[in-house]
Amino acid sequence: MIRHLYQDLLNWKNSATRKPLILQGARQVGKTWLMKEFGKREFDQVAYLNFESSERLKTLFLVDFDISRIISIIEIEIGYKIQAEKCLIIFDEIQEANKGLTVLKYFYEQAPHYHIIAAGSLLGVSLQKGTSFPVGKVDFLRIYPMSFFEFLENNDQQLLLEQLQKSNWEVLASFHDKLIGLLRLYFFIGGMPEAVANYQQYQDLNQVRDIQEKILLGYENDFAKHAPFDIVPRIRLVWSHLISQLAKENRKFIYGQLKKGARAKDFEMAITWLTEAGLILKVAMVEKPALPLKAYADIDIFKLFCLDVGLLNAMAENSPRILLEKNSILTEFKGALTEQFVAQQLTLKHDIFYWSAPNATAEVDFLVQKDNQMIPIEVKAEENLKSKSLKVFTDKFQPQQAIRFSMSPYREQDWMANMPLYAVNGF
């Protein structure tokens, strides 16, 4: 498998100011594989410890933070002496170890010559419980499901990817239909590494769906295993209603759709848990679009997306035929899938928001801040290129740049650029 985050790991290894690294991401997005692969390729030794699977290791840091003692125990655990400069030490599921995060501070201050990567699927949830975090003592990377660009590279489309990365629109115009076909395939498979690897090997979408369903089941089991008992039913309600919330023409999250009389205060903890577990993407509304966008975000008005478009399709039980044959059965949900895809890709590089006029007469799907610019983004599921809301926004707020992503090829207009959906990763 090819993951573009690998280069970030190399940069971390070679940095003169390297600190212990925390790799965060939801379960099944490829953290363990990436850490082990990086260790195997770049180090002579890999010391891998999983704190979720070993009760003994969970108490490793309870006695004290003496690095010599800790290293001695790790050496006994793995069966060989650690050569600090040649060994990658991996602390997987570190949130399961008592004082696991705190020890990273002492590695940084007392033994910076060790290469430490720590990972945790529910690390964000653990921090919500008040776990001490070594601020300023660690480096940080977040891993998401595979992007569409990674999907192309892992399916032997490196030459097409090179042209996309160069934004060579003249060459890409000749392969537009092929790229749209690959994009529809990604809509079904998504970016979960196991699903992508299985398709790469067997080319069987039924097997892909089986994998997606098992991943979803694993997430649902996590609700009961790791979430506070009193909010588990609410987590399940939010999770199971992602599809119905996104299927609306106005995709703003409505608590009343969860159950009659539902209020924000009843579900905010459930939404926070899902967000911190990396299972949903929360996109807040900006009523006053000004820089910095974060300062004007209304955290009480938002859209929720799934972490992965393929998993969202599995939740909706959409068959590959519906997606790959441009089937007209998908009406509003076709737009929701496309918006899901764009949100998932934009999140890799940007904090994302959306804009709605006070009277709800116009709405721009996404707003991002890039190079000290505020850029409005409209998303079209097919080739219908009417952009009334985007035009309202640009006329009122005069952004330097406006983008519409659609199934149509690249072309520029005097007030906006139409970019094909398969180019979102390059934005």
Protein backbone atom coordinates (compact mmCIF):
# COMPACT_ATOMS: atom_id res chain seq x y z
CA MET A 1 0.00 0.00 0.00
CA ILE A 2 1.06 3.56 -0.70
CA ARG A 3 0.24 6.25 1.87
CA HIS A 4 1.19 9.85 1.23
CA LEU A 5 1.66 10.44 4.97
CA TYR A 6 4.82 8.31 4.72
CA GLN A 7 6.76 11.38 3.58
CA ASP A 8 5.65 13.24 6.71
CA LEU A 9 7.04 10.38 8.79
CA LEU A 10 10.36 10.65 6.97
CA ASN A 11 10.44 14.38 7.62
CA TRP A 12 9.79 13.70 11.28
CA LYS A 13 12.59 11.13 11.50
CA ASN A 14 15.10 13.49 9.90
CA SER A 15 14.09 16.60 11.84
CA ALA A 16 16.74 18.13 14.10
CA THR A 17 13.96 19.11 16.52
CA ARG A 18 12.20 15.74 16.53
CA LYS A 19 9.87 14.99 19.45
CA PRO A 20 7.86 11.85 20.23
CA LEU A 21 5.18 11.63 17.55
CA ILE A 22 1.48 11.03 18.10
CA LEU A 23 -0.34 9.52 15.12
CA GLN A 24 -4.08 9.91 15.56
CA GLY A 25 -6.96 8.55 13.52
CA ALA A 26 -10.06 6.38 13.68
CA ARG A 27 -9.86 2.62 13.87
CA GLN A 28 -9.10 0.82 10.59
CA VAL A 29 -7.63 3.84 8.76
CA GLY A 30 -4.18 2.24 8.63
CA LYS A 31 -2.24 3.58 11.63
CA THR A 32 -0.68 0.28 12.74
CA TRP A 33 0.26 -0.80 9.22
CA LEU A 34 1.85 2.56 8.43
CA MET A 35 3.90 2.65 11.65
CA LYS A 36 5.14 -0.91 11.21
CA GLU A 37 5.91 -0.41 7.50
CA PHE A 38 7.78 2.79 8.26
CA GLY A 39 9.78 1.02 10.96
CA LYS A 40 10.57 -1.94 8.73
CA ARG A 41 11.79 0.26 5.86
CA GLU A 42 13.62 3.01 7.74
CA PHE A 43 15.04 1.36 10.90
CA ASP A 44 17.09 -1.70 11.79
CA GLN A 45 14.80 -2.52 14.73
CA VAL A 46 11.11 -2.10 15.50
CA ALA A 47 9.85 -2.41 19.07
CA TYR A 48 6.07 -2.70 18.83
CA LEU A 49 3.89 -2.57 21.96
CA ASN A 50 0.08 -2.69 21.89
CA PHE A 51 -1.42 -1.47 25.16
CA GLU A 52 -4.92 -2.61 24.29
CA SER A 53 -3.98 -6.26 23.92
CA SER A 54 -1.71 -6.60 26.96
CA GLU A 55 -2.89 -6.10 30.54
CA ARG A 56 0.70 -6.28 31.75
CA LEU A 57 1.82 -3.39 29.57
CA LYS A 58 -0.99 -1.12 30.75
CA THR A 59 0.87 -0.60 34.05
CA LEU A 60 4.29 0.03 32.46
CA PHE A 61 4.37 3.71 33.40
CA LEU A 62 2.55 3.57 36.74
CA VAL A 63 5.60 3.10 38.99
CA ASP A 64 7.59 6.09 37.71
CA PHE A 65 8.87 7.73 34.52
CA ASP A 66 12.43 6.42 34.79
CA ILE A 67 13.41 5.92 31.14
CA SER A 68 16.10 3.31 31.92
CA ARG A 69 13.58 1.15 33.78
CA ILE A 70 10.99 1.53 31.01
CA ILE A 71 13.47 0.64 28.26
CA SER A 72 14.67 -2.42 30.22
CA ILE A 73 11.11 -3.72 30.50
CA ILE A 74 10.48 -3.09 26.81
CA GLU A 75 13.66 -4.99 25.93
CA ILE A 76 12.51 -7.98 28.00
CA GLU A 77 9.09 -7.78 26.33
CA ILE A 78 10.50 -7.80 22.77
CA GLY A 79 13.47 -10.08 23.49
CA TYR A 80 16.44 -7.97 22.36
CA LYS A 81 18.51 -4.91 23.30
CA ILE A 82 17.34 -1.62 21.81
CA GLN A 83 19.82 0.48 19.83
CA ALA A 84 18.30 3.91 20.32
CA GLU A 85 19.37 5.52 17.04
CA LYS A 86 18.45 2.44 15.00
CA CYS A 87 15.15 1.45 16.61
CA LEU A 88 11.61 2.71 16.14
CA ILE A 89 9.58 2.27 19.34
CA ILE A 90 5.84 2.06 18.66
CA PHE A 91 3.29 2.59 21.44
CA ASP A 92 0.00 1.50 19.85
CA GLU A 93 -3.35 2.33 21.49
CA ILE A 94 -1.43 4.43 24.00
CA GLN A 95 -4.60 5.80 25.57
CA GLU A 96 -5.11 2.37 27.15
CA ALA A 97 -1.88 2.68 29.17
CA ASN A 98 -2.05 4.41 32.54
CA LYS A 99 -0.07 7.68 32.19
CA GLY A 100 0.88 6.63 28.66
CA LEU A 101 0.63 10.13 27.24
CA THR A 102 2.50 11.67 30.16
CA VAL A 103 5.55 9.46 29.62
CA LEU A 104 6.09 11.05 26.20
CA LYS A 105 7.09 14.26 27.96
CA TYR A 106 9.89 12.43 29.78
CA PHE A 107 11.16 10.75 26.63
CA TYR A 108 11.35 14.19 25.04
CA GLU A 109 13.09 15.83 28.00
CA GLN A 110 15.37 13.01 29.19
CA ALA A 111 15.91 10.71 26.20
CA PRO A 112 15.32 12.57 22.91
CA HIS A 113 17.61 10.14 21.05
CA TYR A 114 14.85 7.51 21.06
CA HIS A 115 12.45 7.45 18.11
CA ILE A 116 8.95 7.14 19.58
CA ILE A 117 5.66 6.96 17.68
CA ALA A 118 2.47 6.66 19.71
CA ALA A 119 -0.94 6.02 18.21
CA GLY A 120 -4.47 5.83 19.48
CA SER A 121 -7.81 5.25 17.81
CA LEU A 122 -9.70 6.77 20.72
CA LEU A 123 -7.02 9.21 21.83
CA GLY A 124 -9.31 12.19 21.30
CA VAL A 125 -11.98 10.54 23.43
CA SER A 126 -9.41 9.84 26.12
CA LEU A 127 -8.43 13.51 26.22
CA GLN A 128 -12.07 14.46 26.73
CA LYS A 129 -11.94 12.48 29.97
CA GLY A 130 -9.30 14.85 31.33
CA THR A 131 -6.17 12.85 30.51
CA SER A 132 -3.06 15.00 30.85
CA PHE A 133 -1.58 15.92 27.48
CA PRO A 134 2.14 16.78 27.07
CA VAL A 135 1.59 20.11 25.34
CA GLY A 136 4.67 21.26 23.44
CA LYS A 137 6.49 17.99 24.10
CA VAL A 138 5.18 15.97 21.14
CA ASP A 139 4.80 16.19 17.39
CA PHE A 140 1.42 15.37 15.92
CA LEU A 141 0.06 13.83 12.71
CA ARG A 142 -3.48 12.78 11.83
CA ILE A 143 -4.24 9.95 9.43
CA TYR A 144 -7.52 9.69 7.53
CA PRO A 145 -8.94 7.12 5.10
CA MET A 146 -7.13 7.05 1.77
CA SER A 147 -7.69 10.09 -0.40
CA PHE A 148 -8.82 9.77 -3.99
CA PHE A 149 -5.26 10.54 -5.10
CA GLU A 150 -3.95 7.69 -2.93
CA PHE A 151 -6.68 5.46 -4.35
CA LEU A 152 -5.45 6.23 -7.88
CA GLU A 153 -1.85 5.48 -6.99
CA ASN A 154 -2.77 2.20 -5.33
CA ASN A 155 -4.72 1.17 -8.45
CA ASP A 156 -1.83 1.67 -10.88
CA GLN A 157 -2.86 5.13 -12.08
CA GLN A 158 0.39 6.93 -11.22
CA LEU A 159 0.68 8.64 -14.62
CA LEU A 160 -2.82 10.08 -14.39
CA LEU A 161 -2.09 11.17 -10.84
CA GLU A 162 1.03 13.04 -11.98
CA GLN A 163 -1.05 15.06 -14.43
CA LEU A 164 -3.63 15.80 -11.74
CA GLN A 165 -0.95 16.99 -9.35
CA LYS A 166 0.36 19.31 -12.08
CA SER A 167 -3.19 20.51 -12.94
CA ASN A 168 -2.42 19.74 -16.58
CA TRP A 169 -6.01 20.28 -17.77
CA GLU A 170 -5.25 19.90 -21.49
CA VAL A 171 -3.93 16.36 -20.99
CA LEU A 172 -6.58 15.49 -18.42
CA ALA A 173 -9.39 16.48 -20.81
CA SER A 174 -8.57 13.40 -22.89
CA PHE A 175 -9.04 11.15 -19.85
CA HIS A 176 -12.04 12.88 -18.29
CA ASP A 177 -14.44 9.94 -18.72
CA LYS A 178 -11.87 7.49 -17.34
CA LEU A 179 -11.32 9.66 -14.26
CA ILE A 180 -15.06 10.01 -13.70
CA GLY A 181 -15.34 6.22 -13.82
CA LEU A 182 -12.56 5.86 -11.25
CA LEU A 183 -14.23 8.51 -9.12
CA ARG A 184 -17.52 6.60 -9.11
CA LEU A 185 -15.58 3.49 -8.12
CA TYR A 186 -14.04 5.40 -5.22
CA PHE A 187 -17.51 6.57 -4.18
CA PHE A 188 -18.36 2.90 -3.60
CA ILE A 189 -15.05 1.56 -2.25
CA GLY A 190 -14.01 4.64 -0.30
CA GLY A 191 -10.65 4.98 1.36
CA MET A 192 -10.53 2.38 4.13
CA PRO A 193 -7.20 0.62 3.43
CA GLU A 194 -8.51 -2.93 3.84
CA ALA A 195 -11.29 -2.28 1.34
CA VAL A 196 -8.90 -0.69 -1.18
CA ALA A 197 -6.35 -3.50 -0.81
CA ASN A 198 -9.02 -6.15 -1.25
CA TYR A 199 -10.34 -4.53 -4.43
CA GLN A 200 -6.81 -4.16 -5.76
CA GLN A 201 -6.27 -7.90 -5.34
CA TYR A 202 -9.67 -9.41 -6.18
CA GLN A 203 -11.65 -6.75 -8.10
CA ASP A 204 -14.79 -7.93 -6.30
CA LEU A 205 -17.11 -5.22 -4.99
CA ASN A 206 -19.15 -7.73 -3.00
CA GLN A 207 -16.05 -8.56 -0.96
CA VAL A 208 -15.46 -4.83 -0.50
CA ARG A 209 -18.97 -4.43 0.89
CA ASP A 210 -18.41 -7.32 3.32
CA ILE A 211 -15.30 -5.58 4.63
CA GLN A 212 -17.14 -2.27 5.01
CA GLU A 213 -19.94 -3.92 6.96
CA LYS A 214 -17.43 -5.55 9.32
CA ILE A 215 -15.72 -2.20 9.91
CA LEU A 216 -19.08 -0.59 10.69
CA LEU A 217 -19.91 -3.42 13.09
CA GLY A 218 -16.56 -2.89 14.80
CA TYR A 219 -17.32 0.80 15.28
CA GLU A 220 -20.73 -0.01 16.75
CA ASN A 221 -19.11 -2.47 19.16
CA ASP A 222 -16.75 0.32 20.22
CA PHE A 223 -19.72 2.43 21.29
CA ALA A 224 -20.67 -0.09 23.97
CA LYS A 225 -17.08 -0.94 24.89
CA HIS A 226 -15.53 2.52 25.19
CA ALA A 227 -18.24 5.20 25.44
CA PRO A 228 -19.85 6.23 28.75
CA PHE A 229 -22.81 3.94 29.37
CA ASP A 230 -25.39 6.72 29.61
CA ILE A 231 -24.64 8.22 26.17
CA VAL A 232 -24.32 4.97 24.17
CA PRO A 233 -27.99 5.01 23.01
CA ARG A 234 -27.57 8.63 21.86
CA ILE A 235 -24.35 7.82 20.02
CA ARG A 236 -26.18 5.04 18.21
CA LEU A 237 -29.02 7.41 17.29
CA VAL A 238 -26.69 10.03 15.85
CA TRP A 239 -24.65 7.42 13.98
CA SER A 240 -27.69 5.65 12.52
CA HIS A 241 -29.25 8.96 11.41
CA LEU A 242 -26.24 10.27 9.46
CA ILE A 243 -27.84 9.08 6.23
CA SER A 244 -31.25 10.66 6.82
CA GLN A 245 -29.64 13.93 7.90
CA LEU A 246 -27.51 14.10 4.74
CA ALA A 247 -30.36 13.03 2.47
CA LYS A 248 -32.23 16.27 3.17
CA GLU A 249 -31.87 19.08 0.64
CA ASN A 250 -30.72 21.28 3.53
CA ARG A 251 -28.08 19.15 5.20
CA LYS A 252 -27.93 21.16 8.42
CA PHE A 253 -28.11 18.78 11.38
CA ILE A 254 -31.61 18.76 12.91
CA TYR A 255 -31.91 17.28 16.40
CA GLY A 256 -35.65 16.79 15.98
CA GLN A 257 -34.97 14.19 13.29
CA LEU A 258 -33.29 11.93 15.84
CA LYS A 259 -36.43 11.65 17.91
CA LYS A 260 -39.39 13.82 18.80
CA GLY A 261 -38.48 16.62 21.20
CA ALA A 262 -34.71 16.02 20.99
CA ARG A 263 -32.59 18.98 22.09
CA ALA A 264 -28.98 19.97 21.54
CA LYS A 265 -27.98 19.47 25.18
CA ASP A 266 -29.25 15.87 25.02
CA PHE A 267 -26.92 14.93 22.17
CA GLU A 268 -23.89 17.22 22.31
CA MET A 269 -21.85 14.67 24.28
CA ALA A 270 -22.71 11.93 21.79
CA ILE A 271 -21.67 14.10 18.85
CA THR A 272 -18.46 15.09 20.65
CA TRP A 273 -17.63 11.42 21.29
CA LEU A 274 -18.13 10.48 17.62
CA THR A 275 -16.10 13.49 16.48
CA GLU A 276 -13.21 12.81 18.85
CA ALA A 277 -13.23 9.13 17.85
CA GLY A 278 -12.73 10.30 14.26
CA LEU A 279 -15.93 8.66 13.02
CA ILE A 280 -17.71 11.83 11.91
CA LEU A 281 -16.64 15.16 10.42
CA LYS A 282 -18.35 18.20 11.90
CA VAL A 283 -18.63 21.24 9.62
CA ALA A 284 -19.78 24.41 11.38
CA MET A 285 -21.72 27.24 9.75
CA VAL A 286 -20.25 30.70 9.23
CA GLU A 287 -22.91 33.41 9.05
CA LYS A 288 -20.41 36.27 8.68
CA PRO A 289 -17.73 35.10 6.23
CA ALA A 290 -14.62 36.93 7.40
CA LEU A 291 -11.07 35.94 8.31
CA PRO A 292 -10.19 34.04 10.34
CA LEU A 293 -13.14 31.78 9.60
CA LYS A 294 -12.75 29.96 12.93
CA ALA A 295 -13.56 33.17 14.76
CA TYR A 296 -16.95 33.46 13.04
CA ALA A 297 -18.04 29.81 13.16
CA ASP A 298 -21.34 29.04 14.90
CA ILE A 299 -20.59 25.76 16.64
CA ASP A 300 -24.29 25.18 17.33
CA ILE A 301 -25.22 25.04 13.63
CA PHE A 302 -23.43 22.38 11.63
CA LYS A 303 -23.48 19.50 9.17
CA LEU A 304 -22.23 16.03 10.03
CA PHE A 305 -20.46 13.76 7.56
CA CYS A 306 -19.13 10.21 7.88
CA LEU A 307 -15.37 9.67 7.96
CA ASP A 308 -15.52 7.78 4.65
CA VAL A 309 -17.74 7.86 1.58
CA GLY A 310 -17.49 4.10 1.10
CA LEU A 311 -18.69 3.45 4.63
CA LEU A 312 -21.57 5.89 4.12
CA ASN A 313 -22.62 3.89 1.06
CA ALA A 314 -22.45 0.69 3.07
CA MET A 315 -24.65 2.27 5.76
CA ALA A 316 -27.13 3.23 3.03
CA GLU A 317 -26.90 -0.26 1.47
CA ASN A 318 -26.34 1.26 -1.97
CA SER A 319 -25.44 -1.34 -4.56
CA PRO A 320 -22.46 -0.79 -6.90
CA ARG A 321 -24.81 -0.83 -9.90
CA ILE A 322 -26.66 2.25 -8.67
CA LEU A 323 -23.44 4.19 -8.28
CA LEU A 324 -21.46 3.02 -11.27
CA GLU A 325 -24.26 3.27 -13.82
CA LYS A 326 -25.37 6.85 -12.98
CA ASN A 327 -28.68 5.40 -11.85
CA SER A 328 -31.42 7.98 -11.46
CA ILE A 329 -32.74 6.25 -8.30
CA LEU A 330 -30.25 8.33 -6.32
CA THR A 331 -31.88 11.76 -6.11
CA GLU A 332 -31.04 13.96 -3.13
CA PHE A 333 -28.70 11.29 -1.77
CA LYS A 334 -26.54 11.56 -4.88
CA GLY A 335 -25.83 15.14 -3.89
CA ALA A 336 -25.17 14.05 -0.32
CA LEU A 337 -22.61 11.46 -1.46
CA THR A 338 -20.82 14.05 -3.56
CA GLU A 339 -20.77 16.54 -0.71
CA GLN A 340 -19.50 13.76 1.58
CA PHE A 341 -16.68 13.03 -0.86
CA VAL A 342 -15.63 16.68 -1.09
CA ALA A 343 -15.77 17.16 2.69
CA GLN A 344 -13.62 14.07 3.17
CA GLN A 345 -10.99 15.26 0.69
CA LEU A 346 -10.92 18.90 1.82
CA THR A 347 -10.45 17.85 5.46
CA LEU A 348 -7.04 16.42 4.57
CA LYS A 349 -5.64 19.95 4.10
CA HIS A 350 -8.13 22.47 5.43
CA ASP A 351 -10.44 23.38 8.27
CA ILE A 352 -13.81 23.49 6.52
CA PHE A 353 -16.98 25.47 7.17
CA TYR A 354 -20.14 26.35 5.25
CA TRP A 355 -22.16 29.54 4.77
CA SER A 356 -25.89 30.13 4.90
CA ALA A 357 -27.70 33.42 4.43
CA PRO A 358 -29.67 34.57 7.52
CA ASN A 359 -32.97 33.99 5.73
CA ALA A 360 -31.76 30.65 4.28
CA THR A 361 -32.29 31.89 0.71
CA ALA A 362 -28.74 30.92 -0.29
CA GLU A 363 -26.14 28.46 0.95
CA VAL A 364 -22.54 27.74 -0.06
CA ASP A 365 -21.53 24.13 0.55
CA PHE A 366 -18.05 24.82 1.93
CA LEU A 367 -15.79 27.69 2.92
CA VAL A 368 -12.04 27.28 3.38
CA GLN A 369 -9.26 29.64 4.32
CA LYS A 370 -6.25 29.33 2.02
CA ASP A 371 -3.29 31.70 1.59
CA ASN A 372 -5.09 34.37 3.63
CA GLN A 373 -8.08 34.12 1.32
CA MET A 374 -11.62 33.02 2.02
CA ILE A 375 -12.67 30.66 -0.78
CA PRO A 376 -16.31 29.63 -1.29
CA ILE A 377 -16.86 26.17 -2.76
CA GLU A 378 -19.99 24.80 -4.39
CA VAL A 379 -20.48 21.08 -5.05
CA LYS A 380 -22.50 19.63 -7.93
CA ALA A 381 -23.25 15.91 -8.16
CA GLU A 382 -23.43 15.83 -11.95
CA GLU A 383 -23.06 18.40 -14.73
CA ASN A 384 -25.83 20.80 -13.73
CA LEU A 385 -23.77 23.96 -13.51
CA LYS A 386 -26.29 26.46 -12.17
CA SER A 387 -24.62 28.23 -9.27
CA LYS A 388 -27.16 30.68 -7.89
CA SER A 389 -26.03 30.54 -4.26
CA LEU A 390 -22.37 30.82 -5.18
CA LYS A 391 -23.14 33.86 -7.33
CA VAL A 392 -25.10 35.46 -4.47
CA PHE A 393 -22.12 34.93 -2.17
CA THR A 394 -19.50 36.29 -4.59
CA ASP A 395 -21.61 39.34 -5.44
CA LYS A 396 -22.08 40.14 -1.75
CA PHE A 397 -18.65 39.34 -0.30
CA GLN A 398 -16.32 39.69 -3.32
CA PRO A 399 -13.89 36.81 -2.64
CA GLN A 400 -10.76 36.74 -4.79
CA GLN A 401 -11.52 33.19 -5.86
CA ALA A 402 -14.61 30.98 -6.10
CA ILE A 403 -14.64 27.25 -6.93
CA ARG A 404 -17.32 24.90 -8.19
CA PHE A 405 -16.58 21.16 -8.15
CA SER A 406 -18.65 19.10 -10.58
CA MET A 407 -18.52 16.17 -12.99
CA SER A 408 -17.64 18.59 -15.82
CA PRO A 409 -14.08 19.24 -17.04
CA TYR A 410 -12.04 22.23 -15.93
CA ARG A 411 -13.00 25.63 -17.23
CA GLU A 412 -12.73 29.20 -16.00
CA GLN A 413 -15.43 31.85 -15.96
CA ASP A 414 -14.92 35.50 -15.20
CA TRP A 415 -16.05 35.10 -11.57
CA MET A 416 -15.28 31.46 -10.74
CA ALA A 417 -13.46 28.29 -11.83
CA ASN A 418 -15.19 24.97 -12.47
CA MET A 419 -12.95 22.12 -11.34
CA PRO A 420 -13.69 18.44 -11.88
CA LEU A 421 -14.51 16.52 -8.72
CA TYR A 422 -11.58 14.19 -9.25
CA ALA A 423 -9.22 17.18 -8.68
CA VAL A 424 -10.40 18.09 -5.15
CA ASN A 425 -7.24 16.63 -3.54
CA GLY A 426 -5.08 19.05 -5.49
CA PHE A 427 -6.91 22.09 -4.13
